[in-house]
Amino acid sequence: MTTLYQQFGNPTGALGALAGTIMAHRPSNRQRNAWTVRQLDLRPDDHVLEIGYGPGLAVRDAAALVPHGRVVGVERSPVMLRQARRRNRRAIAAGLVDLRVGDPADLADETFQKAYAINVFMFWPQPVDTLRRIAALLTPGGRIALTMQPRGTVTADSTDRAATAMSDALAAAGYTGIEVRTLPLEPVPAACVLGVLNRPTR
């Protein structure tokens, strides 16, 4: 039987809608999303990619910072697409936000200066391959932010282990300038790992 916890990876049906509602209203989620977006130092004309946008909190935060740019989101869950579209309907109508069900590989004709993924790294079966697909969409010098706040059974070193896993995957995928930042939250801090793409990918 599918549990509510499992729904956070790929929300479906009524339980998935409930998971999205929890994500949208949990204070730590709101803090983590807004904080991650701030780490990217977005410019008003940036084109920004979010992988796994969930209920659309960070999309809304990013769109407010790129009034002359664009935010594109890809997500596996049609349930989350519906919630995120409702939350960002004005920005979508203005052409500032484009939300899709799919994968970074579906965006082969687009380029971005910034990309981010929040609490989805742990659901990627092949994270290095996923990060390489994202790299193919970034302009040289493009920046990525991966954020994770460990959930479930956590220990004192859970955040450090998450940061190491994300850092190692970014390095293996060809990103440089890797930097770890943390946000104090309960029950454990969130880690944001930043990387830069300093080589042409096309």
C-alpha atoms as a PDB file:
ATOM      1  CA  MET A   1       0.000   0.000   0.000  1.00  0.00           C
ATOM      2  CA  THR A   2       1.282   3.489  -0.864  1.00  0.00           C
ATOM      3  CA  THR A   3       1.958   5.580   2.227  1.00  0.00           C
ATOM      4  CA  LEU A   4       1.748   9.342   2.515  1.00  0.00           C
ATOM      5  CA  TYR A   5       5.542   9.512   2.943  1.00  0.00           C
ATOM      6  CA  GLN A   6       6.080   7.726  -0.391  1.00  0.00           C
ATOM      7  CA  GLN A   7       3.883  10.310  -2.098  1.00  0.00           C
ATOM      8  CA  PHE A   8       6.462  13.046  -1.611  1.00  0.00           C
ATOM      9  CA  GLY A   9       8.621  11.432  -4.321  1.00  0.00           C
ATOM     10  CA  ASN A  10       5.939  11.322  -7.028  1.00  0.00           C
ATOM     11  CA  PRO A  11       2.524  12.504  -5.796  1.00  0.00           C
ATOM     12  CA  THR A  12      -0.479  10.742  -7.329  1.00  0.00           C
ATOM     13  CA  GLY A  13      -4.180  10.688  -6.586  1.00  0.00           C
ATOM     14  CA  ALA A  14      -5.812  11.969  -3.413  1.00  0.00           C
ATOM     15  CA  LEU A  15      -2.826  11.109  -1.209  1.00  0.00           C
ATOM     16  CA  GLY A  16      -0.557  12.955  -3.616  1.00  0.00           C
ATOM     17  CA  ALA A  17      -2.776  16.028  -3.458  1.00  0.00           C
ATOM     18  CA  LEU A  18      -2.580  15.874   0.340  1.00  0.00           C
ATOM     19  CA  ALA A  19       1.221  15.610   0.164  1.00  0.00           C
ATOM     20  CA  GLY A  20       1.287  18.698  -2.042  1.00  0.00           C
ATOM     21  CA  THR A  21      -0.870  20.604   0.425  1.00  0.00           C
ATOM     22  CA  ILE A  22       1.470  19.652   3.265  1.00  0.00           C
ATOM     23  CA  MET A  23       4.490  20.763   1.221  1.00  0.00           C
ATOM     24  CA  ALA A  24       2.837  24.077   0.400  1.00  0.00           C
ATOM     25  CA  HIS A  25       1.984  24.951   3.995  1.00  0.00           C
ATOM     26  CA  ARG A  26       4.780  23.441   6.103  1.00  0.00           C
ATOM     27  CA  PRO A  27       6.860  26.399   7.398  1.00  0.00           C
ATOM     28  CA  SER A  28      10.193  24.612   6.912  1.00  0.00           C
ATOM     29  CA  ASN A  29       9.327  23.936   3.270  1.00  0.00           C
ATOM     30  CA  ARG A  30       8.533  27.593   2.689  1.00  0.00           C
ATOM     31  CA  GLN A  31      11.782  28.683   4.336  1.00  0.00           C
ATOM     32  CA  ARG A  32      13.853  26.119   2.436  1.00  0.00           C
ATOM     33  CA  ASN A  33      12.380  27.071  -0.939  1.00  0.00           C
ATOM     34  CA  ALA A  34      12.779  30.828  -0.527  1.00  0.00           C
ATOM     35  CA  TRP A  35      16.299  30.408   0.874  1.00  0.00           C
ATOM     36  CA  THR A  36      17.417  28.186  -2.013  1.00  0.00           C
ATOM     37  CA  VAL A  37      16.246  30.690  -4.600  1.00  0.00           C
ATOM     38  CA  ARG A  38      18.202  33.437  -2.839  1.00  0.00           C
ATOM     39  CA  GLN A  39      21.431  31.414  -3.043  1.00  0.00           C
ATOM     40  CA  LEU A  40      21.406  31.684  -6.853  1.00  0.00           C
ATOM     41  CA  ASP A  41      21.725  35.498  -6.969  1.00  0.00           C
ATOM     42  CA  LEU A  42      19.139  35.700  -9.728  1.00  0.00           C
ATOM     43  CA  ARG A  43      19.302  38.598 -12.169  1.00  0.00           C
ATOM     44  CA  PRO A  44      16.166  40.229 -13.575  1.00  0.00           C
ATOM     45  CA  ASP A  45      16.691  38.715 -17.046  1.00  0.00           C
ATOM     46  CA  ASP A  46      17.783  35.210 -16.024  1.00  0.00           C
ATOM     47  CA  HIS A  47      16.201  32.112 -17.526  1.00  0.00           C
ATOM     48  CA  VAL A  48      15.775  29.703 -14.623  1.00  0.00           C
ATOM     49  CA  LEU A  49      15.011  25.978 -14.477  1.00  0.00           C
ATOM     50  CA  GLU A  50      13.475  24.120 -11.534  1.00  0.00           C
ATOM     51  CA  ILE A  51      13.502  20.328 -11.490  1.00  0.00           C
ATOM     52  CA  GLY A  52      10.720  18.904  -9.337  1.00  0.00           C
ATOM     53  CA  TYR A  53       8.728  22.040  -8.573  1.00  0.00           C
ATOM     54  CA  GLY A  54       6.114  20.329  -6.359  1.00  0.00           C
ATOM     55  CA  PRO A  55       3.323  22.740  -5.381  1.00  0.00           C
ATOM     56  CA  GLY A  56       5.187  25.667  -6.963  1.00  0.00           C
ATOM     57  CA  LEU A  57       6.497  27.625  -3.973  1.00  0.00           C
ATOM     58  CA  ALA A  58      10.018  28.199  -5.291  1.00  0.00           C
ATOM     59  CA  VAL A  59       8.690  28.909  -8.793  1.00  0.00           C
ATOM     60  CA  ARG A  60       6.736  31.796  -7.324  1.00  0.00           C
ATOM     61  CA  ASP A  61       9.779  33.047  -5.408  1.00  0.00           C
ATOM     62  CA  ALA A  62      12.038  32.825  -8.471  1.00  0.00           C
ATOM     63  CA  ALA A  63       9.528  34.494 -10.795  1.00  0.00           C
ATOM     64  CA  ALA A  64       9.375  37.528  -8.508  1.00  0.00           C
ATOM     65  CA  LEU A  65      13.129  38.011  -8.989  1.00  0.00           C
ATOM     66  CA  VAL A  66      13.293  37.634 -12.804  1.00  0.00           C
ATOM     67  CA  PRO A  67      10.673  40.080 -14.144  1.00  0.00           C
ATOM     68  CA  HIS A  68      12.438  40.229 -17.528  1.00  0.00           C
ATOM     69  CA  GLY A  69      13.417  36.559 -17.620  1.00  0.00           C
ATOM     70  CA  ARG A  70      11.601  33.247 -17.406  1.00  0.00           C
ATOM     71  CA  VAL A  71      11.101  30.338 -15.018  1.00  0.00           C
ATOM     72  CA  VAL A  72      10.565  26.869 -16.486  1.00  0.00           C
ATOM     73  CA  GLY A  73       9.705  23.922 -14.291  1.00  0.00           C
ATOM     74  CA  VAL A  74       9.654  20.188 -14.992  1.00  0.00           C
ATOM     75  CA  GLU A  75       7.993  17.701 -12.665  1.00  0.00           C
ATOM     76  CA  ARG A  76       6.926  14.053 -12.817  1.00  0.00           C
ATOM     77  CA  SER A  77       3.544  14.534 -11.157  1.00  0.00           C
ATOM     78  CA  PRO A  78       0.415  15.856 -12.946  1.00  0.00           C
ATOM     79  CA  VAL A  79      -1.055  16.379  -9.460  1.00  0.00           C
ATOM     80  CA  MET A  80       1.738  18.831  -8.640  1.00  0.00           C
ATOM     81  CA  LEU A  81       1.358  20.494 -12.045  1.00  0.00           C
ATOM     82  CA  ARG A  82      -2.241  21.382 -11.196  1.00  0.00           C
ATOM     83  CA  GLN A  83      -1.328  22.777  -7.770  1.00  0.00           C
ATOM     84  CA  ALA A  84       1.668  24.717  -9.055  1.00  0.00           C
ATOM     85  CA  ARG A  85      -0.321  26.188 -11.937  1.00  0.00           C
ATOM     86  CA  ARG A  86      -2.973  27.469  -9.540  1.00  0.00           C
ATOM     87  CA  ARG A  87      -0.315  29.013  -7.317  1.00  0.00           C
ATOM     88  CA  ASN A  88       1.425  30.718 -10.261  1.00  0.00           C
ATOM     89  CA  ARG A  89      -1.504  31.445 -12.560  1.00  0.00           C
ATOM     90  CA  ARG A  90      -0.771  35.170 -12.961  1.00  0.00           C
ATOM     91  CA  ALA A  91       2.894  34.623 -13.833  1.00  0.00           C
ATOM     92  CA  ILE A  92       1.887  31.878 -16.275  1.00  0.00           C
ATOM     93  CA  ALA A  93      -0.661  34.175 -17.929  1.00  0.00           C
ATOM     94  CA  ALA A  94       2.054  36.835 -18.253  1.00  0.00           C
ATOM     95  CA  GLY A  95       4.411  34.372 -19.965  1.00  0.00           C
ATOM     96  CA  LEU A  96       6.897  34.551 -17.102  1.00  0.00           C
ATOM     97  CA  VAL A  97       6.405  30.953 -15.913  1.00  0.00           C
ATOM     98  CA  ASP A  98       6.103  27.718 -17.908  1.00  0.00           C
ATOM     99  CA  LEU A  99       5.342  24.532 -15.960  1.00  0.00           C
ATOM    100  CA  ARG A 100       5.462  21.079 -17.524  1.00  0.00           C
ATOM    101  CA  VAL A 101       5.253  17.397 -16.682  1.00  0.00           C
ATOM    102  CA  GLY A 102       8.455  15.788 -17.887  1.00  0.00           C
ATOM    103  CA  ASP A 103      12.213  15.571 -17.498  1.00  0.00           C
ATOM    104  CA  PRO A 104      15.140  17.919 -18.197  1.00  0.00           C
ATOM    105  CA  ALA A 105      15.803  15.879 -21.343  1.00  0.00           C
ATOM    106  CA  ASP A 106      12.521  17.241 -22.748  1.00  0.00           C
ATOM    107  CA  LEU A 107      13.992  20.770 -22.817  1.00  0.00           C
ATOM    108  CA  ALA A 108      16.781  20.150 -25.334  1.00  0.00           C
ATOM    109  CA  ASP A 109      16.017  23.312 -27.315  1.00  0.00           C
ATOM    110  CA  GLU A 110      16.217  25.677 -24.321  1.00  0.00           C
ATOM    111  CA  THR A 111      19.054  27.236 -22.342  1.00  0.00           C
ATOM    112  CA  PHE A 112      19.204  28.546 -18.784  1.00  0.00           C
ATOM    113  CA  GLN A 113      21.587  30.618 -16.688  1.00  0.00           C
ATOM    114  CA  LYS A 114      20.433  29.100 -13.387  1.00  0.00           C
ATOM    115  CA  ALA A 115      18.906  25.813 -12.260  1.00  0.00           C
ATOM    116  CA  TYR A 116      17.854  24.358  -8.934  1.00  0.00           C
ATOM    117  CA  ALA A 117      16.234  21.307  -7.343  1.00  0.00           C
ATOM    118  CA  ILE A 118      14.886  21.205  -3.801  1.00  0.00           C
ATOM    119  CA  ASN A 119      14.458  17.945  -1.890  1.00  0.00           C
ATOM    120  CA  VAL A 120      14.363  15.845  -5.048  1.00  0.00           C
ATOM    121  CA  PHE A 121      18.009  14.723  -5.340  1.00  0.00           C
ATOM    122  CA  MET A 122      17.285  11.658  -3.174  1.00  0.00           C
ATOM    123  CA  PHE A 123      14.640  10.488  -5.635  1.00  0.00           C
ATOM    124  CA  TRP A 124      16.984  10.474  -8.664  1.00  0.00           C
ATOM    125  CA  PRO A 125      18.033   6.855  -9.462  1.00  0.00           C
ATOM    126  CA  GLN A 126      21.092   8.078 -11.391  1.00  0.00           C
ATOM    127  CA  PRO A 127      21.892  11.560 -10.010  1.00  0.00           C
ATOM    128  CA  VAL A 128      25.098  12.060 -12.028  1.00  0.00           C
ATOM    129  CA  ASP A 129      23.269  11.320 -15.271  1.00  0.00           C
ATOM    130  CA  THR A 130      20.474  13.696 -14.280  1.00  0.00           C
ATOM    131  CA  LEU A 131      22.981  16.436 -13.483  1.00  0.00           C
ATOM    132  CA  ARG A 132      24.678  15.929 -16.836  1.00  0.00           C
ATOM    133  CA  ARG A 133      21.322  16.342 -18.589  1.00  0.00           C
ATOM    134  CA  ILE A 134      20.828  19.589 -16.671  1.00  0.00           C
ATOM    135  CA  ALA A 135      24.365  20.701 -17.597  1.00  0.00           C
ATOM    136  CA  ALA A 136      23.455  20.316 -21.267  1.00  0.00           C
ATOM    137  CA  LEU A 137      20.803  23.011 -20.746  1.00  0.00           C
ATOM    138  CA  LEU A 138      23.012  25.521 -18.917  1.00  0.00           C
ATOM    139  CA  THR A 139      25.024  28.254 -20.539  1.00  0.00           C
ATOM    140  CA  PRO A 140      28.781  28.264 -19.772  1.00  0.00           C
ATOM    141  CA  GLY A 141      29.130  29.815 -16.339  1.00  0.00           C
ATOM    142  CA  GLY A 142      25.618  28.716 -15.442  1.00  0.00           C
ATOM    143  CA  ARG A 143      24.923  27.977 -11.797  1.00  0.00           C
ATOM    144  CA  ILE A 144      23.016  25.162 -10.102  1.00  0.00           C
ATOM    145  CA  ALA A 145      21.728  24.778  -6.543  1.00  0.00           C
ATOM    146  CA  LEU A 146      20.791  21.436  -5.001  1.00  0.00           C
ATOM    147  CA  THR A 147      19.076  21.605  -1.633  1.00  0.00           C
ATOM    148  CA  MET A 148      18.164  18.758   0.690  1.00  0.00           C
ATOM    149  CA  GLN A 149      16.777  18.632   4.200  1.00  0.00           C
ATOM    150  CA  PRO A 150      16.969  14.963   5.248  1.00  0.00           C
ATOM    151  CA  ARG A 151      13.646  13.483   6.368  1.00  0.00           C
ATOM    152  CA  GLY A 152      12.515  10.304   8.074  1.00  0.00           C
ATOM    153  CA  THR A 153      15.013   8.761  10.461  1.00  0.00           C
ATOM    154  CA  VAL A 154      17.780  11.347  10.831  1.00  0.00           C
ATOM    155  CA  THR A 155      20.976  11.548  12.868  1.00  0.00           C
ATOM    156  CA  ALA A 156      23.372  14.350  13.774  1.00  0.00           C
ATOM    157  CA  ASP A 157      25.383  13.801  10.580  1.00  0.00           C
ATOM    158  CA  SER A 158      22.441  13.400   8.178  1.00  0.00           C
ATOM    159  CA  THR A 159      22.875  16.882   6.695  1.00  0.00           C
ATOM    160  CA  ASP A 160      26.638  16.440   6.241  1.00  0.00           C
ATOM    161  CA  ARG A 161      26.098  13.116   4.464  1.00  0.00           C
ATOM    162  CA  ALA A 162      23.468  14.679   2.197  1.00  0.00           C
ATOM    163  CA  ALA A 163      25.808  17.563   1.347  1.00  0.00           C
ATOM    164  CA  THR A 164      28.637  15.146   0.551  1.00  0.00           C
ATOM    165  CA  ALA A 165      26.412  13.050  -1.727  1.00  0.00           C
ATOM    166  CA  MET A 166      25.245  16.135  -3.645  1.00  0.00           C
ATOM    167  CA  SER A 167      28.769  17.587  -3.857  1.00  0.00           C
ATOM    168  CA  ASP A 168      30.224  14.323  -5.153  1.00  0.00           C
ATOM    169  CA  ALA A 169      27.510  13.979  -7.774  1.00  0.00           C
ATOM    170  CA  LEU A 170      28.004  17.553  -8.995  1.00  0.00           C
ATOM    171  CA  ALA A 171      31.755  17.050  -9.289  1.00  0.00           C
ATOM    172  CA  ALA A 172      31.290  13.773 -11.178  1.00  0.00           C
ATOM    173  CA  ALA A 173      28.907  15.537 -13.577  1.00  0.00           C
ATOM    174  CA  GLY A 174      31.520  18.191 -14.397  1.00  0.00           C
ATOM    175  CA  TYR A 175      30.510  21.123 -12.205  1.00  0.00           C
ATOM    176  CA  THR A 176      33.167  23.189 -10.434  1.00  0.00           C
ATOM    177  CA  GLY A 177      33.334  25.842  -7.712  1.00  0.00           C
ATOM    178  CA  ILE A 178      31.316  23.596  -5.449  1.00  0.00           C
ATOM    179  CA  GLU A 179      30.186  25.294  -2.252  1.00  0.00           C
ATOM    180  CA  VAL A 180      28.020  24.071   0.634  1.00  0.00           C
ATOM    181  CA  ARG A 181      25.701  26.348   2.601  1.00  0.00           C
ATOM    182  CA  THR A 182      23.348  25.363   5.418  1.00  0.00           C
ATOM    183  CA  LEU A 183      20.054  26.647   6.762  1.00  0.00           C
ATOM    184  CA  PRO A 184      19.174  25.898  10.423  1.00  0.00           C
ATOM    185  CA  LEU A 185      15.858  23.992  10.496  1.00  0.00           C
ATOM    186  CA  GLU A 186      14.231  21.274  12.598  1.00  0.00           C
ATOM    187  CA  PRO A 187      14.834  18.381  12.987  1.00  0.00           C
ATOM    188  CA  VAL A 188      18.093  18.864  11.045  1.00  0.00           C
ATOM    189  CA  PRO A 189      19.509  21.710   8.911  1.00  0.00           C
ATOM    190  CA  ALA A 190      19.022  21.894   5.161  1.00  0.00           C
ATOM    191  CA  ALA A 191      22.115  21.831   2.937  1.00  0.00           C
ATOM    192  CA  CYS A 192      22.380  23.726  -0.337  1.00  0.00           C
ATOM    193  CA  VAL A 193      25.234  22.728  -2.631  1.00  0.00           C
ATOM    194  CA  LEU A 194      26.112  25.201  -5.384  1.00  0.00           C
ATOM    195  CA  GLY A 195      28.062  24.381  -8.530  1.00  0.00           C
ATOM    196  CA  VAL A 196      29.154  26.226 -11.671  1.00  0.00           C
ATOM    197  CA  LEU A 197      29.337  24.944 -15.228  1.00  0.00           C
ATOM    198  CA  ASN A 198      32.586  26.299 -16.680  1.00  0.00           C
ATOM    199  CA  ARG A 199      32.717  24.307 -19.896  1.00  0.00           C
ATOM    200  CA  PRO A 200      30.637  24.334 -23.097  1.00  0.00           C
ATOM    201  CA  THR A 201      28.068  21.520 -23.173  1.00  0.00           C
ATOM    202  CA  ARG A 202      26.764  21.787 -26.750  1.00  0.00           C
END
